[in-house]
Amino acid sequence: MDFRPLAEAERRQLLAALRGNADRGLALLMDRRDTSFVGTTEELPAEQVMTAVKSVPCHY
């Protein structure tokens, strides 16, 4: 995996999203294929949350 710094616009968007997560509890949205940041939302459908939880590898 090669390091690729964020473009200035991407960096500002990610920082705003992280502040929204810390201040207002906004969910951070990631692309399923490459885990890149795609935005924020206040609400997620329960089905989408369950799919995300099930996709995390478990080694127990």
N, C-alpha and C. Protein backbone atom coordinates (compact mmCIF):
# COMPACT_ATOMS: atom_id res chain seq x y z
N MET A 1 0.85 -1.16 0.00
CA MET A 1 0.00 0.00 0.00
C MET A 1 0.90 1.24 0.00
N ASP A 2 0.66 2.13 -0.92
CA ASP A 2 1.44 3.36 -1.02
C ASP A 2 0.76 4.48 -0.25
N PHE A 3 1.57 5.31 0.39
CA PHE A 3 1.05 6.48 1.08
C PHE A 3 0.68 7.54 0.06
N ARG A 4 -0.52 8.07 0.18
CA ARG A 4 -0.98 9.14 -0.70
C ARG A 4 -1.62 10.21 0.18
N PRO A 5 -0.99 11.36 0.35
CA PRO A 5 -1.57 12.40 1.20
C PRO A 5 -2.89 12.90 0.63
N LEU A 6 -3.76 13.34 1.51
CA LEU A 6 -5.06 13.86 1.08
C LEU A 6 -4.89 15.21 0.39
N ALA A 7 -5.72 15.44 -0.59
CA ALA A 7 -5.79 16.77 -1.20
C ALA A 7 -6.37 17.73 -0.15
N GLU A 8 -6.09 19.00 -0.29
CA GLU A 8 -6.53 19.98 0.71
C GLU A 8 -8.05 19.95 0.93
N ALA A 9 -8.82 19.84 -0.14
CA ALA A 9 -10.29 19.79 -0.01
C ALA A 9 -10.72 18.53 0.75
N GLU A 10 -10.11 17.38 0.45
CA GLU A 10 -10.43 16.13 1.16
C GLU A 10 -10.08 16.25 2.63
N ARG A 11 -8.94 16.87 2.91
CA ARG A 11 -8.49 17.04 4.29
C ARG A 11 -9.48 17.90 5.09
N ARG A 12 -9.93 19.01 4.49
CA ARG A 12 -10.90 19.88 5.18
C ARG A 12 -12.22 19.14 5.42
N GLN A 13 -12.67 18.37 4.43
CA GLN A 13 -13.92 17.63 4.56
C GLN A 13 -13.81 16.58 5.68
N LEU A 14 -12.69 15.87 5.74
CA LEU A 14 -12.50 14.86 6.77
C LEU A 14 -12.42 15.49 8.15
N LEU A 15 -11.71 16.60 8.29
CA LEU A 15 -11.64 17.27 9.58
C LEU A 15 -13.01 17.75 10.04
N ALA A 16 -13.80 18.31 9.14
CA ALA A 16 -15.16 18.74 9.48
C ALA A 16 -16.00 17.54 9.92
N ALA A 17 -15.85 16.42 9.23
CA ALA A 17 -16.61 15.21 9.59
C ALA A 17 -16.19 14.70 10.96
N LEU A 18 -14.90 14.71 11.25
CA LEU A 18 -14.43 14.25 12.57
C LEU A 18 -14.94 15.17 13.67
N ARG A 19 -14.97 16.48 13.41
CA ARG A 19 -15.53 17.41 14.40
C ARG A 19 -17.02 17.16 14.59
N GLY A 20 -17.74 16.90 13.50
CA GLY A 20 -19.16 16.59 13.59
C GLY A 20 -19.41 15.32 14.37
N ASN A 21 -18.52 14.34 14.21
CA ASN A 21 -18.63 13.10 14.97
C ASN A 21 -18.43 13.37 16.46
N ALA A 22 -17.42 14.15 16.79
CA ALA A 22 -17.11 14.43 18.19
C ALA A 22 -18.16 15.33 18.83
N ASP A 23 -18.64 16.35 18.10
CA ASP A 23 -19.56 17.33 18.67
C ASP A 23 -21.02 16.90 18.63
N ARG A 24 -21.43 16.27 17.52
CA ARG A 24 -22.85 15.98 17.33
C ARG A 24 -23.16 14.50 17.13
N GLY A 25 -22.16 13.65 17.18
CA GLY A 25 -22.39 12.21 17.03
C GLY A 25 -22.69 11.77 15.62
N LEU A 26 -22.28 12.54 14.60
CA LEU A 26 -22.52 12.14 13.21
C LEU A 26 -21.74 10.87 12.89
N ALA A 27 -22.34 10.00 12.11
CA ALA A 27 -21.67 8.78 11.67
C ALA A 27 -20.76 9.11 10.50
N LEU A 28 -19.57 8.52 10.50
CA LEU A 28 -18.63 8.67 9.38
C LEU A 28 -18.90 7.55 8.39
N LEU A 29 -19.05 7.89 7.13
CA LEU A 29 -19.34 6.89 6.10
C LEU A 29 -18.06 6.56 5.34
N MET A 30 -17.86 5.26 5.10
CA MET A 30 -16.66 4.78 4.40
C MET A 30 -17.09 3.98 3.18
N ASP A 31 -16.27 4.00 2.15
CA ASP A 31 -16.51 3.19 0.96
C ASP A 31 -16.25 1.73 1.31
N ARG A 32 -17.14 0.83 0.93
CA ARG A 32 -16.99 -0.59 1.28
C ARG A 32 -15.81 -1.25 0.59
N ARG A 33 -15.44 -0.78 -0.58
CA ARG A 33 -14.37 -1.44 -1.34
C ARG A 33 -12.98 -1.09 -0.83
N ASP A 34 -12.74 0.18 -0.54
CA ASP A 34 -11.38 0.56 -0.17
C ASP A 34 -11.30 1.36 1.13
N THR A 35 -12.37 1.42 1.87
CA THR A 35 -12.47 2.10 3.17
C THR A 35 -12.11 3.58 3.11
N SER A 36 -12.23 4.22 1.95
CA SER A 36 -11.99 5.65 1.88
C SER A 36 -13.20 6.40 2.45
N PHE A 37 -12.95 7.57 2.97
CA PHE A 37 -13.99 8.42 3.57
C PHE A 37 -14.90 8.95 2.48
N VAL A 38 -16.23 8.87 2.70
CA VAL A 38 -17.17 9.38 1.70
C VAL A 38 -18.15 10.41 2.25
N GLY A 39 -18.21 10.63 3.55
CA GLY A 39 -19.12 11.63 4.08
C GLY A 39 -19.61 11.32 5.48
N THR A 40 -20.68 12.00 5.88
CA THR A 40 -21.28 11.81 7.20
C THR A 40 -22.79 11.74 7.08
N THR A 41 -23.42 11.27 8.12
CA THR A 41 -24.88 11.24 8.16
C THR A 41 -25.32 11.24 9.63
N GLU A 42 -26.53 11.71 9.87
CA GLU A 42 -27.07 11.69 11.22
C GLU A 42 -27.77 10.37 11.52
N GLU A 43 -28.32 9.74 10.51
CA GLU A 43 -29.08 8.50 10.69
C GLU A 43 -28.60 7.43 9.71
N LEU A 44 -28.53 6.20 10.20
CA LEU A 44 -28.23 5.05 9.34
C LEU A 44 -29.30 4.01 9.55
N PRO A 45 -29.77 3.37 8.48
CA PRO A 45 -30.73 2.29 8.65
C PRO A 45 -30.11 1.13 9.45
N ALA A 46 -30.89 0.49 10.28
CA ALA A 46 -30.39 -0.62 11.11
C ALA A 46 -29.76 -1.71 10.25
N GLU A 47 -30.33 -1.97 9.08
CA GLU A 47 -29.78 -3.01 8.21
C GLU A 47 -28.36 -2.67 7.77
N GLN A 48 -28.10 -1.39 7.48
CA GLN A 48 -26.76 -0.97 7.07
C GLN A 48 -25.76 -1.12 8.23
N VAL A 49 -26.20 -0.83 9.44
CA VAL A 49 -25.34 -0.99 10.61
C VAL A 49 -25.01 -2.46 10.82
N MET A 50 -26.01 -3.33 10.72
CA MET A 50 -25.79 -4.76 10.92
C MET A 50 -24.84 -5.32 9.86
N THR A 51 -24.98 -4.89 8.63
CA THR A 51 -24.08 -5.34 7.56
C THR A 51 -22.65 -4.92 7.86
N ALA A 52 -22.47 -3.70 8.34
CA ALA A 52 -21.13 -3.22 8.68
C ALA A 52 -20.54 -4.03 9.83
N VAL A 53 -21.32 -4.31 10.85
CA VAL A 53 -20.83 -5.09 11.99
C VAL A 53 -20.46 -6.50 11.55
N LYS A 54 -21.29 -7.12 10.73
CA LYS A 54 -21.02 -8.48 10.27
C LYS A 54 -19.79 -8.56 9.36
N SER A 55 -19.41 -7.46 8.73
CA SER A 55 -18.28 -7.48 7.82
C SER A 55 -16.92 -7.41 8.53
N VAL A 56 -16.94 -7.13 9.83
CA VAL A 56 -15.69 -7.04 10.58
C VAL A 56 -15.20 -8.46 10.89
N PRO A 57 -13.98 -8.79 10.52
CA PRO A 57 -13.46 -10.14 10.79
C PRO A 57 -13.40 -10.40 12.31
N CYS A 58 -13.74 -11.59 12.69
CA CYS A 58 -13.70 -11.98 14.09
C CYS A 58 -12.78 -13.19 14.22
N HIS A 59 -11.79 -13.10 15.08
CA HIS A 59 -10.81 -14.15 15.22
C HIS A 59 -10.87 -14.84 16.60
N TYR A 60 -12.07 -14.92 17.14
CA TYR A 60 -12.20 -15.53 18.46
C TYR A 60 -12.62 -16.97 18.35
